[in-house]
Amino acid sequence: HSIQIQSNHYRTEDIQKVFELLSKDIQKINEKIREDFAMEMDYAVKQLNKGKDIKPQLLNIGTLMKDVGLGVFANVIASPIYEVIKPSLGL
């Protein structure tokens, strides 16, 4: 009957690096899906610049990654930063 809370902390530099890698990977996929990723990433960057929490956007990006299939994201998954950001993406 205990409550567990997980707090994921990320650095702005980590998020920017993941978004750079993600941008490279999404070039291979359908334009509509690419637009969905771009919308979430753009909004996350705006919120991050305002100092606001971007957890909802990261979870949405993680959901999009699952929907497309993680095998498509070779640049992101091969990066050491992936293990750091993975919990924030809900993966």
C-alpha atoms as a PDB file:
ATOM      1  CA  HIS A   1       0.000   0.000   0.000  1.00  0.00           C
ATOM      2  CA  SER A   2       2.838   2.362  -0.680  1.00  0.00           C
ATOM      3  CA  ILE A   3       2.962   5.073  -3.290  1.00  0.00           C
ATOM      4  CA  GLN A   4       5.942   5.340  -5.598  1.00  0.00           C
ATOM      5  CA  ILE A   5       6.813   8.470  -7.472  1.00  0.00           C
ATOM      6  CA  GLN A   6       9.352   8.570 -10.272  1.00  0.00           C
ATOM      7  CA  SER A   7      10.935  11.901 -11.085  1.00  0.00           C
ATOM      8  CA  ASN A   8      12.823  12.099 -14.340  1.00  0.00           C
ATOM      9  CA  HIS A   9      15.205  14.987 -14.675  1.00  0.00           C
ATOM     10  CA  TYR A  10      16.646  15.963 -18.018  1.00  0.00           C
ATOM     11  CA  ARG A  11      19.010  18.631 -19.181  1.00  0.00           C
ATOM     12  CA  THR A  12      18.183  21.045 -21.987  1.00  0.00           C
ATOM     13  CA  GLU A  13      21.277  19.869 -23.853  1.00  0.00           C
ATOM     14  CA  ASP A  14      20.079  16.262 -23.676  1.00  0.00           C
ATOM     15  CA  ILE A  15      16.682  17.172 -25.087  1.00  0.00           C
ATOM     16  CA  GLN A  16      18.232  19.192 -27.905  1.00  0.00           C
ATOM     17  CA  LYS A  17      20.565  16.316 -28.799  1.00  0.00           C
ATOM     18  CA  VAL A  18      17.676  13.839 -28.874  1.00  0.00           C
ATOM     19  CA  PHE A  19      15.634  16.181 -31.065  1.00  0.00           C
ATOM     20  CA  GLU A  20      18.576  16.543 -33.480  1.00  0.00           C
ATOM     21  CA  LEU A  21      18.882  12.771 -33.751  1.00  0.00           C
ATOM     22  CA  LEU A  22      15.132  12.349 -34.012  1.00  0.00           C
ATOM     23  CA  SER A  23      14.985  14.895 -36.834  1.00  0.00           C
ATOM     24  CA  LYS A  24      17.471  12.818 -38.808  1.00  0.00           C
ATOM     25  CA  ASP A  25      15.492   9.630 -38.236  1.00  0.00           C
ATOM     26  CA  ILE A  26      12.068  11.024 -39.118  1.00  0.00           C
ATOM     27  CA  GLN A  27      13.254  12.082 -42.560  1.00  0.00           C
ATOM     28  CA  LYS A  28      12.698   8.455 -43.597  1.00  0.00           C
ATOM     29  CA  ILE A  29       9.033   8.299 -42.659  1.00  0.00           C
ATOM     30  CA  ASN A  30       5.682   9.482 -43.990  1.00  0.00           C
ATOM     31  CA  GLU A  31       5.207  13.263 -44.231  1.00  0.00           C
ATOM     32  CA  LYS A  32       2.105  13.301 -42.020  1.00  0.00           C
ATOM     33  CA  ILE A  33       3.885  11.415 -39.253  1.00  0.00           C
ATOM     34  CA  ARG A  34       6.903  13.665 -39.691  1.00  0.00           C
ATOM     35  CA  GLU A  35       4.630  16.687 -39.167  1.00  0.00           C
ATOM     36  CA  ASP A  36       3.272  15.165 -35.939  1.00  0.00           C
ATOM     37  CA  PHE A  37       6.809  14.741 -34.618  1.00  0.00           C
ATOM     38  CA  ALA A  38       7.779  18.260 -35.679  1.00  0.00           C
ATOM     39  CA  MET A  39       4.725  19.752 -33.968  1.00  0.00           C
ATOM     40  CA  GLU A  40       5.487  17.997 -30.672  1.00  0.00           C
ATOM     41  CA  MET A  41       9.196  18.837 -30.829  1.00  0.00           C
ATOM     42  CA  ASP A  42       8.573  22.499 -31.696  1.00  0.00           C
ATOM     43  CA  TYR A  43       6.124  22.891 -28.835  1.00  0.00           C
ATOM     44  CA  ALA A  44       8.484  21.107 -26.432  1.00  0.00           C
ATOM     45  CA  VAL A  45      11.319  23.471 -27.365  1.00  0.00           C
ATOM     46  CA  LYS A  46       9.072  26.502 -26.808  1.00  0.00           C
ATOM     47  CA  GLN A  47       7.991  25.198 -23.411  1.00  0.00           C
ATOM     48  CA  LEU A  48      11.574  24.323 -22.495  1.00  0.00           C
ATOM     49  CA  ASN A  49      12.719  27.838 -23.380  1.00  0.00           C
ATOM     50  CA  LYS A  50      10.017  29.206 -21.073  1.00  0.00           C
ATOM     51  CA  GLY A  51      11.259  26.946 -18.282  1.00  0.00           C
ATOM     52  CA  LYS A  52       8.088  24.855 -18.289  1.00  0.00           C
ATOM     53  CA  ASP A  53       7.696  21.098 -17.941  1.00  0.00           C
ATOM     54  CA  ILE A  54       7.807  19.241 -21.253  1.00  0.00           C
ATOM     55  CA  LYS A  55       6.927  15.800 -19.921  1.00  0.00           C
ATOM     56  CA  PRO A  56       3.595  15.645 -21.836  1.00  0.00           C
ATOM     57  CA  GLN A  57       5.342  16.417 -25.109  1.00  0.00           C
ATOM     58  CA  LEU A  58       8.076  13.861 -24.432  1.00  0.00           C
ATOM     59  CA  LEU A  59       5.460  11.209 -23.677  1.00  0.00           C
ATOM     60  CA  ASN A  60       3.654  12.087 -26.927  1.00  0.00           C
ATOM     61  CA  ILE A  61       6.927  11.754 -28.836  1.00  0.00           C
ATOM     62  CA  GLY A  62       7.539   8.393 -27.181  1.00  0.00           C
ATOM     63  CA  THR A  63       4.055   7.256 -28.186  1.00  0.00           C
ATOM     64  CA  LEU A  64       4.700   8.336 -31.774  1.00  0.00           C
ATOM     65  CA  MET A  65       7.983   6.427 -31.744  1.00  0.00           C
ATOM     66  CA  LYS A  66       6.183   3.289 -30.536  1.00  0.00           C
ATOM     67  CA  ASP A  67       3.493   3.712 -33.199  1.00  0.00           C
ATOM     68  CA  VAL A  68       6.050   4.010 -35.999  1.00  0.00           C
ATOM     69  CA  GLY A  69       8.238   1.244 -34.591  1.00  0.00           C
ATOM     70  CA  LEU A  70      11.455   1.712 -32.683  1.00  0.00           C
ATOM     71  CA  GLY A  71      13.491   0.062 -35.445  1.00  0.00           C
ATOM     72  CA  VAL A  72      13.121   3.220 -37.548  1.00  0.00           C
ATOM     73  CA  PHE A  73      14.967   5.336 -34.988  1.00  0.00           C
ATOM     74  CA  ALA A  74      18.515   4.052 -35.481  1.00  0.00           C
ATOM     75  CA  ASN A  75      20.235   7.391 -34.733  1.00  0.00           C
ATOM     76  CA  VAL A  76      18.322   7.942 -31.501  1.00  0.00           C
ATOM     77  CA  ILE A  77      18.620   4.398 -30.184  1.00  0.00           C
ATOM     78  CA  ALA A  78      22.317   4.113 -31.049  1.00  0.00           C
ATOM     79  CA  SER A  79      23.102   7.276 -29.109  1.00  0.00           C
ATOM     80  CA  PRO A  80      24.281   7.046 -25.502  1.00  0.00           C
ATOM     81  CA  ILE A  81      21.813   9.809 -24.654  1.00  0.00           C
ATOM     82  CA  TYR A  82      18.940   7.404 -25.418  1.00  0.00           C
ATOM     83  CA  GLU A  83      19.332   5.588 -22.096  1.00  0.00           C
ATOM     84  CA  VAL A  84      19.149   8.909 -20.243  1.00  0.00           C
ATOM     85  CA  ILE A  85      16.046  10.174 -22.035  1.00  0.00           C
ATOM     86  CA  LYS A  86      14.275   6.817 -22.476  1.00  0.00           C
ATOM     87  CA  PRO A  87      12.235   7.035 -19.223  1.00  0.00           C
ATOM     88  CA  SER A  88      11.054  10.545 -20.119  1.00  0.00           C
ATOM     89  CA  LEU A  89       9.740   9.225 -23.439  1.00  0.00           C
ATOM     90  CA  GLY A  90       7.818   6.502 -21.656  1.00  0.00           C
ATOM     91  CA  LEU A  91       9.755   3.764 -23.433  1.00  0.00           C
END
